[in-house]
Amino acid sequence: MDTQTRHFEEELAALSRTLDTALERMRRLAEENASLRRGRDQMAGERAALMARNEQARTRVEAMIERLKSLEAAG
């Protein structure tokens, strides 16, 4: 095998390794992205549940205040 062919094959092997590394990074980033999206969706669900609980608590406190006002007015 002559020097030029060997050099070409070495460059091709280096390019192949670089491509393999890039593909592996892309795979890991895709997995991380999917995980982050799942986390975001879970947090959005938790936020909605907390907002609903907060609204229920606010409604109950307002109702208690109204009852106290009516008891105060009646007394």
N, C-alpha and C. Protein backbone atom coordinates (compact mmCIF):
# COMPACT_ATOMS: atom_id res chain seq x y z
N MET A 1 0.85 -1.17 0.00
CA MET A 1 0.00 0.00 0.00
C MET A 1 0.90 1.23 0.00
N ASP A 2 0.60 2.18 -0.87
CA ASP A 2 1.46 3.36 -0.93
C ASP A 2 1.09 4.38 0.14
N THR A 3 1.91 5.37 0.31
CA THR A 3 1.77 6.36 1.38
C THR A 3 0.49 7.18 1.22
N GLN A 4 0.16 7.51 0.00
CA GLN A 4 -1.03 8.32 -0.25
C GLN A 4 -2.29 7.55 0.14
N THR A 5 -2.36 6.28 -0.21
CA THR A 5 -3.52 5.45 0.13
C THR A 5 -3.63 5.29 1.65
N ARG A 6 -2.50 5.04 2.29
CA ARG A 6 -2.49 4.88 3.75
C ARG A 6 -2.96 6.19 4.43
N HIS A 7 -2.49 7.30 3.94
CA HIS A 7 -2.87 8.60 4.50
C HIS A 7 -4.38 8.82 4.32
N PHE A 8 -4.88 8.48 3.14
CA PHE A 8 -6.31 8.62 2.87
C PHE A 8 -7.12 7.73 3.82
N GLU A 9 -6.69 6.50 4.03
CA GLU A 9 -7.40 5.58 4.93
C GLU A 9 -7.35 6.08 6.38
N GLU A 10 -6.23 6.66 6.78
CA GLU A 10 -6.13 7.21 8.13
C GLU A 10 -7.08 8.39 8.31
N GLU A 11 -7.15 9.24 7.30
CA GLU A 11 -8.09 10.37 7.36
C GLU A 11 -9.53 9.88 7.39
N LEU A 12 -9.81 8.86 6.60
CA LEU A 12 -11.15 8.29 6.57
C LEU A 12 -11.51 7.67 7.93
N ALA A 13 -10.58 6.99 8.56
CA ALA A 13 -10.81 6.40 9.88
C ALA A 13 -11.04 7.50 10.92
N ALA A 14 -10.25 8.58 10.84
CA ALA A 14 -10.42 9.70 11.78
C ALA A 14 -11.79 10.35 11.58
N LEU A 15 -12.19 10.51 10.34
CA LEU A 15 -13.50 11.08 10.04
C LEU A 15 -14.62 10.17 10.57
N SER A 16 -14.44 8.88 10.42
CA SER A 16 -15.42 7.92 10.92
C SER A 16 -15.55 8.01 12.44
N ARG A 17 -14.41 8.13 13.14
CA ARG A 17 -14.44 8.28 14.61
C ARG A 17 -15.14 9.58 15.01
N THR A 18 -14.85 10.65 14.29
CA THR A 18 -15.48 11.94 14.56
C THR A 18 -16.99 11.84 14.37
N LEU A 19 -17.39 11.18 13.31
CA LEU A 19 -18.82 11.00 13.04
C LEU A 19 -19.47 10.15 14.12
N ASP A 20 -18.83 9.08 14.54
CA ASP A 20 -19.36 8.24 15.62
C ASP A 20 -19.54 9.04 16.91
N THR A 21 -18.55 9.88 17.21
CA THR A 21 -18.63 10.73 18.41
C THR A 21 -19.79 11.70 18.31
N ALA A 22 -19.94 12.32 17.15
CA ALA A 22 -21.02 13.27 16.94
C ALA A 22 -22.39 12.58 17.05
N LEU A 23 -22.51 11.39 16.49
CA LEU A 23 -23.77 10.65 16.56
C LEU A 23 -24.10 10.27 18.00
N GLU A 24 -23.10 9.88 18.77
CA GLU A 24 -23.31 9.52 20.17
C GLU A 24 -23.75 10.75 20.97
N ARG A 25 -23.12 11.88 20.72
CA ARG A 25 -23.52 13.12 21.40
C ARG A 25 -24.95 13.49 21.03
N MET A 26 -25.29 13.33 19.77
CA MET A 26 -26.64 13.65 19.32
C MET A 26 -27.66 12.73 20.01
N ARG A 27 -27.33 11.46 20.14
CA ARG A 27 -28.22 10.51 20.81
C ARG A 27 -28.41 10.90 22.27
N ARG A 28 -27.31 11.23 22.96
CA ARG A 28 -27.40 11.63 24.37
C ARG A 28 -28.20 12.91 24.53
N LEU A 29 -27.99 13.87 23.63
CA LEU A 29 -28.75 15.12 23.70
C LEU A 29 -30.23 14.89 23.44
N ALA A 30 -30.55 13.99 22.53
CA ALA A 30 -31.96 13.67 22.26
C ALA A 30 -32.61 13.04 23.49
N GLU A 31 -31.88 12.16 24.17
CA GLU A 31 -32.40 11.55 25.40
C GLU A 31 -32.59 12.60 26.48
N GLU A 32 -31.60 13.47 26.63
CA GLU A 32 -31.70 14.53 27.64
C GLU A 32 -32.86 15.46 27.33
N ASN A 33 -33.03 15.79 26.07
CA ASN A 33 -34.12 16.66 25.65
C ASN A 33 -35.47 16.02 25.98
N ALA A 34 -35.61 14.74 25.69
CA ALA A 34 -36.85 14.03 26.00
C ALA A 34 -37.11 14.03 27.50
N SER A 35 -36.06 13.81 28.28
CA SER A 35 -36.20 13.82 29.73
C SER A 35 -36.61 15.20 30.24
N LEU A 36 -36.00 16.23 29.69
CA LEU A 36 -36.36 17.59 30.09
C LEU A 36 -37.80 17.91 29.72
N ARG A 37 -38.24 17.44 28.57
CA ARG A 37 -39.64 17.67 28.16
C ARG A 37 -40.61 16.95 29.11
N ARG A 38 -40.26 15.71 29.49
CA ARG A 38 -41.12 15.00 30.44
C ARG A 38 -41.18 15.74 31.78
N GLY A 39 -40.02 16.22 32.23
CA GLY A 39 -39.98 16.98 33.48
C GLY A 39 -40.80 18.25 33.39
N ARG A 40 -40.69 18.93 32.27
CA ARG A 40 -41.47 20.16 32.07
C ARG A 40 -42.96 19.87 32.11
N ASP A 41 -43.36 18.80 31.44
CA ASP A 41 -44.78 18.43 31.43
C ASP A 41 -45.27 18.05 32.82
N GLN A 42 -44.43 17.34 33.56
CA GLN A 42 -44.80 16.96 34.92
C GLN A 42 -44.93 18.20 35.80
N MET A 43 -43.99 19.13 35.67
CA MET A 43 -44.04 20.34 36.47
C MET A 43 -45.26 21.20 36.10
N ALA A 44 -45.63 21.21 34.84
CA ALA A 44 -46.81 21.97 34.43
C ALA A 44 -48.06 21.36 35.06
N GLY A 45 -48.12 20.03 35.11
CA GLY A 45 -49.25 19.37 35.76
C GLY A 45 -49.30 19.67 37.25
N GLU A 46 -48.13 19.63 37.89
CA GLU A 46 -48.07 19.94 39.32
C GLU A 46 -48.47 21.39 39.58
N ARG A 47 -48.04 22.28 38.71
CA ARG A 47 -48.39 23.70 38.85
C ARG A 47 -49.90 23.88 38.73
N ALA A 48 -50.52 23.22 37.76
CA ALA A 48 -51.96 23.33 37.59
C ALA A 48 -52.69 22.80 38.82
N ALA A 49 -52.21 21.69 39.38
CA ALA A 49 -52.84 21.14 40.58
C ALA A 49 -52.69 22.09 41.76
N LEU A 50 -51.51 22.69 41.91
CA LEU A 50 -51.29 23.65 42.99
C LEU A 50 -52.16 24.90 42.82
N MET A 51 -52.31 25.34 41.60
CA MET A 51 -53.17 26.50 41.36
C MET A 51 -54.62 26.18 41.71
N ALA A 52 -55.06 24.97 41.38
CA ALA A 52 -56.42 24.57 41.71
C ALA A 52 -56.60 24.51 43.23
N ARG A 53 -55.62 23.93 43.92
CA ARG A 53 -55.71 23.87 45.39
C ARG A 53 -55.69 25.27 46.00
N ASN A 54 -54.89 26.15 45.44
CA ASN A 54 -54.83 27.53 45.92
C ASN A 54 -56.19 28.22 45.72
N GLU A 55 -56.80 28.00 44.59
CA GLU A 55 -58.12 28.59 44.32
C GLU A 55 -59.17 28.04 45.29
N GLN A 56 -59.12 26.74 45.57
CA GLN A 56 -60.06 26.16 46.54
C GLN A 56 -59.85 26.77 47.92
N ALA A 57 -58.61 26.93 48.33
CA ALA A 57 -58.32 27.52 49.64
C ALA A 57 -58.80 28.96 49.69
N ARG A 58 -58.57 29.71 48.62
CA ARG A 58 -59.02 31.10 48.58
C ARG A 58 -60.53 31.19 48.70
N THR A 59 -61.23 30.32 47.99
CA THR A 59 -62.69 30.30 48.05
C THR A 59 -63.17 29.97 49.46
N ARG A 60 -62.53 29.00 50.10
CA ARG A 60 -62.94 28.63 51.46
C ARG A 60 -62.66 29.76 52.45
N VAL A 61 -61.53 30.44 52.31
CA VAL A 61 -61.22 31.57 53.20
C VAL A 61 -62.23 32.69 52.99
N GLU A 62 -62.55 32.99 51.75
CA GLU A 62 -63.55 34.02 51.47
C GLU A 62 -64.90 33.66 52.08
N ALA A 63 -65.27 32.39 51.99
CA ALA A 63 -66.54 31.95 52.57
C ALA A 63 -66.50 32.10 54.09
N MET A 64 -65.39 31.76 54.72
CA MET A 64 -65.26 31.93 56.17
C MET A 64 -65.37 33.40 56.56
N ILE A 65 -64.73 34.26 55.79
CA ILE A 65 -64.80 35.70 56.07
C ILE A 65 -66.25 36.19 55.98
N GLU A 66 -66.95 35.75 54.97
CA GLU A 66 -68.36 36.14 54.82
C GLU A 66 -69.20 35.64 56.00
N ARG A 67 -68.95 34.41 56.45
CA ARG A 67 -69.69 33.89 57.61
C ARG A 67 -69.38 34.69 58.87
N LEU A 68 -68.10 35.03 59.04
CA LEU A 68 -67.73 35.84 60.20
C LEU A 68 -68.39 37.22 60.16
N LYS A 69 -68.43 37.81 58.97
CA LYS A 69 -69.10 39.11 58.83
C LYS A 69 -70.57 39.00 59.16
N SER A 70 -71.21 37.93 58.69
CA SER A 70 -72.64 37.77 58.98
C SER A 70 -72.89 37.50 60.46
N LEU A 71 -72.00 36.76 61.12
CA LEU A 71 -72.13 36.52 62.56
C LEU A 71 -71.92 37.81 63.33
N GLU A 72 -70.98 38.62 62.86
CA GLU A 72 -70.71 39.90 63.52
C GLU A 72 -71.90 40.85 63.35
N ALA A 73 -72.50 40.85 62.18
CA ALA A 73 -73.66 41.72 61.92
C ALA A 73 -74.87 41.24 62.71
N ALA A 74 -75.01 39.94 62.90
CA ALA A 74 -76.15 39.40 63.64
C ALA A 74 -75.97 39.59 65.14
N GLY A 75 -74.76 39.69 65.61
CA GLY A 75 -74.48 39.76 67.05
C GLY A 75 -74.47 41.13 67.54
